[in-house]
Amino acid sequence: MKKIAIALILIFVFSGVGFARDNSTTSASVKYDLPYPGMLPDHKLYKLKVLRDKVMLFIIQDPIKKAEQHLLLADKRILMAKILADKGNVELAKETALKGENEITLLVFLFKDERRKPTKELFNRVEKASFKHQEVLNDIAKKVEKKDKKTFETVVYFSTVNLGELRKIYKDY
């Protein structure tokens, strides 16, 4: 978990980009369906699912398809975080939310490393997904105790940073 947090912090520190919040996306529900996550991290066989996901990412060579896989994993983990928080497993929900946003971080770095921009369709999907992630995470933050709220707010912030970086990549390449 420390590695994930460090990676997200590094993006913020080295990006040097400021972001304004678009309130129009947070005032109404974002029209983006998160996929059913299947097995949750509190299941005893979940580690096999994680292993499968890592193998899939390793096998996929096409950057666009790999980015789509990162987006799928991010979407599933954000919904997992909501389900876990609703079940009262807030600690695992926090960890899962961080891992979910880390998938978007990996997606952003994928395009930075390839020095190319995503397709318009993929960019639009990631942008919409990011707004949905922020909406879900803000909803979780409203429901958890004060001591847990900061983690979810931080993940929302990382989501904003990642989206800003992706917008910059899309504009520059």
Foldseek 3Di string as FASTA:
>chain_A
DVVLVVLLVVLVVPVPDDDDDDVVLQVDAQPDDQDALPDAPVDPCVVVVVVVLVVVLVPDDDLQVSLVSLLNQLSSLLVSLLVCVVVVNNVSSLVSNSVSLSSLVVNLVSCVVVLAAHDPVSLVNLVSSLSNSLNSLVVSLVVDDPVSNVSSVVSNVSSRSSNVSNVVSNVPD
